[in-house]
Protein backbone atom coordinates (compact mmCIF):
# COMPACT_ATOMS: atom_id res chain seq x y z
CA MET A 1 72.09 290.60 209.91
CA ILE A 2 74.51 293.33 208.39
CA ARG A 3 75.76 294.78 212.02
CA ILE A 4 77.25 298.20 211.35
CA ARG A 5 79.05 300.21 214.18
CA ASP A 6 80.71 303.66 214.96
CA VAL A 7 82.23 303.26 210.82
CA HIS A 8 84.40 306.13 209.70
CA HIS A 9 85.93 306.79 206.37
CA ALA A 10 87.90 309.25 204.62
CA ILE A 11 89.69 309.59 201.32
CA GLY A 12 92.47 311.68 202.03
CA LYS A 13 91.63 314.30 203.79
CA ALA A 14 87.83 314.04 202.73
CA ARG A 15 85.30 312.97 205.13
CA ILE A 16 82.80 310.64 203.82
CA LEU A 17 81.43 308.36 206.83
CA HIS A 18 80.77 309.60 210.47
CA GLY A 19 80.19 306.97 212.72
CA ILE A 20 77.36 305.14 211.08
CA ASP A 21 75.61 302.86 213.55
CA LEU A 22 73.10 300.81 211.68
CA ASP A 23 71.55 297.17 211.65
CA ILE A 24 70.23 295.80 208.39
CA PRO A 25 68.20 292.73 209.44
CA LYS A 26 68.21 289.36 207.39
CA GLY A 27 64.97 289.13 204.48
CA GLY A 28 63.57 291.56 202.62
CA ILE A 29 64.96 294.68 200.26
CA THR A 30 67.00 297.53 202.37
CA ALA A 31 67.28 300.67 200.23
CA LEU A 32 69.57 303.23 201.04
CA ILE A 33 68.77 306.60 199.53
CA GLY A 34 70.13 310.16 199.77
CA PRO A 35 72.14 313.07 197.62
CA ASN A 36 74.62 312.74 195.54
CA GLY A 37 77.69 312.39 198.14
CA ALA A 38 75.93 311.11 200.81
CA GLY A 39 78.32 307.88 201.48
CA LYS A 40 75.61 305.47 200.40
CA SER A 41 78.05 303.75 197.67
CA THR A 42 80.95 303.68 200.03
CA LEU A 43 79.06 302.10 203.00
CA LEU A 44 77.98 299.44 200.40
CA SER A 45 81.75 298.88 199.57
CA LEU A 46 82.75 298.98 202.85
CA VAL A 47 80.46 295.97 203.94
CA ALA A 48 81.53 294.09 200.77
CA ARG A 49 84.86 294.83 201.19
CA LEU A 50 85.83 296.47 198.26
CA ALA A 51 87.51 298.80 200.25
CA PRO A 52 89.27 298.48 203.22
CA LEU A 53 87.29 299.40 206.44
CA LYS A 54 89.63 301.88 208.74
CA GLN A 55 87.59 302.51 211.48
CA GLY A 56 84.55 300.95 212.86
CA GLU A 57 83.46 297.47 212.89
CA ILE A 58 81.63 295.35 210.26
CA THR A 59 79.42 292.29 210.58
CA VAL A 60 77.67 289.61 207.86
CA GLU A 61 76.03 287.11 209.66
CA THR A 62 78.40 285.50 211.95
CA LEU A 63 82.02 287.30 209.49
CA LYS A 64 83.81 290.19 210.59
CA ILE A 65 84.85 292.10 207.58
CA GLY A 66 88.59 292.51 207.82
CA ALA A 67 89.17 289.28 209.62
CA CYS A 68 87.56 286.91 207.76
CA SER A 69 88.54 285.21 204.04
CA ASP A 70 87.27 287.19 200.54
CA ARG A 71 86.26 283.58 199.72
CA ASP A 72 84.54 282.85 202.62
CA LEU A 73 82.40 285.95 202.57
CA ALA A 74 81.91 285.77 198.82
CA LYS A 75 79.74 282.58 199.72
CA VAL A 76 77.45 284.93 201.80
CA LEU A 77 77.39 288.00 200.18
CA ALA A 78 77.75 288.81 196.53
CA ILE A 79 77.72 292.66 195.21
CA MET A 80 77.34 294.28 192.11
CA ALA A 81 79.25 297.45 192.26
CA GLN A 82 78.37 301.18 190.38
CA SER A 83 81.19 300.82 188.28
CA THR A 84 80.16 297.82 185.90
CA HIS A 85 83.44 298.50 183.55
CA VAL A 86 85.21 295.27 182.31
CA SER A 87 88.06 295.66 179.67
CA ALA A 88 87.70 292.09 178.21
CA ARG A 89 85.93 291.27 175.61
CA LEU A 90 83.44 289.04 176.84
CA ARG A 91 80.22 287.26 176.02
CA VAL A 92 76.68 287.60 178.63
CA ARG A 93 77.28 283.74 179.97
CA GLU A 94 80.76 284.46 180.40
CA LEU A 95 80.13 287.35 182.49
CA VAL A 96 77.55 285.47 184.17
CA SER A 97 79.58 282.86 185.02
CA PHE A 98 81.93 284.49 187.02
CA GLY A 99 79.28 284.76 189.85
CA ARG A 100 80.12 280.86 190.67
CA TYR A 101 84.10 281.16 190.76
CA PRO A 102 83.84 281.33 195.12
CA TRP A 103 82.41 278.13 194.84
CA HIS A 104 84.23 276.33 191.81
CA GLN A 105 87.70 277.96 192.30
CA GLY A 106 88.11 278.12 188.48
CA ARG A 107 86.66 274.01 187.94
CA PRO A 108 82.64 274.32 187.40
CA GLY A 109 80.72 271.75 187.60
CA ALA A 110 77.41 270.54 186.52
CA GLN A 111 75.79 272.82 189.66
CA ASP A 112 77.35 275.32 188.30
CA ARG A 113 76.63 275.36 184.92
CA ALA A 114 73.01 274.74 186.06
CA LEU A 115 73.19 277.96 188.29
CA ILE A 116 74.24 279.74 184.94
CA GLU A 117 71.75 278.86 183.26
CA ALA A 118 68.89 279.31 185.98
CA ALA A 119 70.35 283.00 186.63
CA LEU A 120 70.27 283.98 182.54
CA GLU A 121 66.88 282.36 182.45
CA ARG A 122 65.77 284.85 185.53
CA PHE A 123 67.06 287.70 183.99
CA GLY A 124 65.82 287.16 180.45
CA LEU A 125 69.21 286.51 178.82
CA LEU A 126 69.07 283.69 177.39
CA PRO A 127 68.23 284.64 174.17
CA ILE A 128 71.54 286.85 174.20
CA ALA A 129 73.61 284.89 176.19
CA ASP A 130 75.98 283.88 173.47
CA ARG A 131 76.61 287.91 172.70
CA PHE A 132 79.48 290.29 173.32
CA LEU A 133 78.81 292.65 176.05
CA ASP A 134 79.43 295.41 173.42
CA GLU A 135 76.93 293.77 171.65
CA VAL A 136 74.15 294.47 173.59
CA SER A 137 72.19 297.83 174.87
CA GLY A 138 72.80 299.43 178.28
CA GLY A 139 70.27 297.91 179.89
CA GLN A 140 70.74 294.64 178.75
CA ARG A 141 74.28 294.56 179.88
CA GLN A 142 73.48 295.84 183.15
CA ARG A 143 70.79 293.05 183.86
CA ALA A 144 73.87 291.19 182.86
CA PHE A 145 75.63 292.35 185.79
CA VAL A 146 73.24 291.83 188.23
CA ALA A 147 72.26 288.30 187.20
CA MET A 148 76.05 287.33 187.96
CA ALA A 149 75.68 288.41 191.38
CA PHE A 150 72.63 286.31 191.60
CA ALA A 151 74.55 283.34 190.05
CA GLN A 152 76.99 283.82 193.05
CA ASP A 153 73.87 282.43 194.99
CA THR A 154 74.47 283.85 198.33
CA ASP A 155 71.92 285.00 201.15
CA TYR A 156 72.60 288.75 200.90
CA LEU A 157 73.01 290.55 197.56
CA LEU A 158 74.23 294.48 197.35
CA LEU A 159 73.42 296.28 194.72
CA ASP A 160 74.48 300.03 194.21
CA GLU A 161 72.73 301.60 191.40
CA PRO A 162 71.24 298.71 189.59
CA LEU A 163 68.91 300.84 187.63
CA ASN A 164 71.35 302.75 185.88
CA ASN A 165 71.33 303.15 182.04
CA LEU A 166 67.38 301.14 182.29
CA ASP A 167 64.31 302.57 180.63
CA ILE A 168 60.56 303.06 182.72
CA ALA A 169 59.85 299.54 181.34
CA GLY A 170 63.39 297.99 182.68
CA ALA A 171 63.58 299.73 185.86
CA ARG A 172 60.32 298.32 186.81
CA SER A 173 60.63 294.57 185.26
CA LEU A 174 64.23 294.56 187.60
CA MET A 175 62.74 296.09 190.84
CA ARG A 176 59.41 293.24 190.84
CA LEU A 177 62.28 290.54 189.81
CA LEU A 178 63.86 291.47 193.13
CA ARG A 179 60.70 291.58 194.97
CA GLU A 180 60.46 288.12 193.81
CA MET A 181 63.90 287.31 195.35
CA ALA A 182 63.41 288.42 198.37
CA ASP A 183 59.75 287.54 198.49
CA LYS A 184 60.29 283.61 197.28
CA ASP A 185 64.16 283.14 197.86
CA GLY A 186 64.64 284.69 200.74
CA LYS A 187 67.72 286.52 199.43
CA THR A 188 68.30 289.85 202.07
CA ILE A 189 68.91 292.61 199.09
CA VAL A 190 70.47 295.77 200.09
CA ILE A 191 70.07 298.33 196.91
CA VAL A 192 71.44 302.41 196.35
CA LEU A 193 68.89 303.81 194.71
CA HIS A 194 68.78 307.77 193.15
CA ASP A 195 64.61 307.27 193.08
CA ILE A 196 62.88 307.59 196.22
CA ASN A 197 59.68 306.44 194.19
CA TYR A 198 61.17 302.97 193.48
CA ALA A 199 62.66 302.62 196.99
CA SER A 200 59.38 303.41 198.22
CA ALA A 201 57.06 301.29 195.70
CA PHE A 202 59.32 298.04 196.23
CA ALA A 203 61.65 298.43 199.41
CA ASP A 204 60.71 296.96 202.92
CA ARG A 205 63.05 299.48 204.72
CA ILE A 206 64.74 302.56 203.62
CA VAL A 207 67.91 304.09 204.94
CA ALA A 208 68.40 307.73 204.30
CA LEU A 209 72.37 309.06 204.22
CA LYS A 210 72.62 312.88 204.34
CA ASP A 211 76.42 313.98 205.17
CA GLY A 212 77.86 310.55 205.81
CA ARG A 213 75.01 309.98 208.28
CA VAL A 214 71.95 308.39 209.01
CA ALA A 215 69.06 311.00 208.87
CA ALA A 216 66.24 308.44 208.74
CA GLN A 217 65.46 304.65 208.37
CA GLY A 218 62.27 302.95 208.75
CA THR A 219 59.12 301.87 206.07
CA PRO A 220 58.48 303.64 203.60
CA ALA A 221 55.61 304.65 205.59
CA GLN A 222 57.46 305.71 208.14
CA ILE A 223 59.79 308.21 206.73
CA VAL A 224 59.14 309.13 203.16
CA ASP A 225 57.17 312.61 203.41
CA THR A 226 58.01 316.24 202.57
CA ALA A 227 60.02 316.70 206.13
CA LEU A 228 62.39 313.96 204.62
CA LEU A 229 62.56 315.66 201.11
CA ARG A 230 63.47 318.57 202.81
CA ASP A 231 65.70 317.68 205.67
CA VAL A 232 67.95 315.26 203.28
CA PHE A 233 67.26 316.27 200.04
CA GLY A 234 66.88 320.18 200.26
CA THR A 235 63.55 319.96 198.11
CA ASP A 236 59.97 321.08 198.74
CA ALA A 237 57.55 318.17 196.86
CA GLU A 238 54.11 316.59 197.48
CA VAL A 239 54.08 313.36 198.95
CA SER A 240 50.93 311.51 198.41
CA VAL A 241 50.21 307.76 199.23
CA ILE A 242 49.16 306.06 196.28
CA GLY A 243 48.48 302.07 196.23
CA GLY A 244 49.31 302.43 200.53
CA ARG A 245 52.70 303.66 199.80
CA PRO A 246 54.03 307.12 199.35
CA GLN A 247 55.29 308.42 196.47
CA VAL A 248 57.10 311.66 195.55
CA LEU A 249 54.70 314.04 193.16
CA VAL A 250 57.03 316.13 190.74
């Protein structure tokens, strides 16, 4: 479980998060949704220790953020951040291999190499594994970053807007793969999504943030309705149940 208690965060004088209390249970997919500036990416960064925790407490299983080592946390939790810029001219296989570093510390073994190849195959990257990142499409590059996080082989996987640069086919394929990882591999996936319909279609739980606070949380069936759209997103739209799950109609 990821346990978040009384977490506040500010950048300069701008307050981003206000007293977040949240439990993310182990297993399944939890989607963080909300308008721009709601604090979704900031919260994910604090859990992953990409930003310093200034006030409050976050624990991942038995590890307390700010007290545990980066290496210990990296063996439990992997993250694909929103910014996926790399300055070095890397091949796809080299990028994915970085996911194994917390385990081998620069001395990869047979198991590391096997997990890298498995990640490349799982994400459909084997045909382009030896291409440089600037030689592949934006969607392929995005999948490579997700594969790097997957290769880390952790119970928890945090993904910040992984559908960026993906067309509808790529987005559906990736979400189906994440659903499979949660169901068959027992992964706990926390994902920031802008598209509420992907969250509703694939997530077990949704946490809606607004103005740095938790505005609603529950299953898609429990919280995705016209009131949520009006109160959190400030828009009016019809919601219909399709395939047993609510979907927002444009």
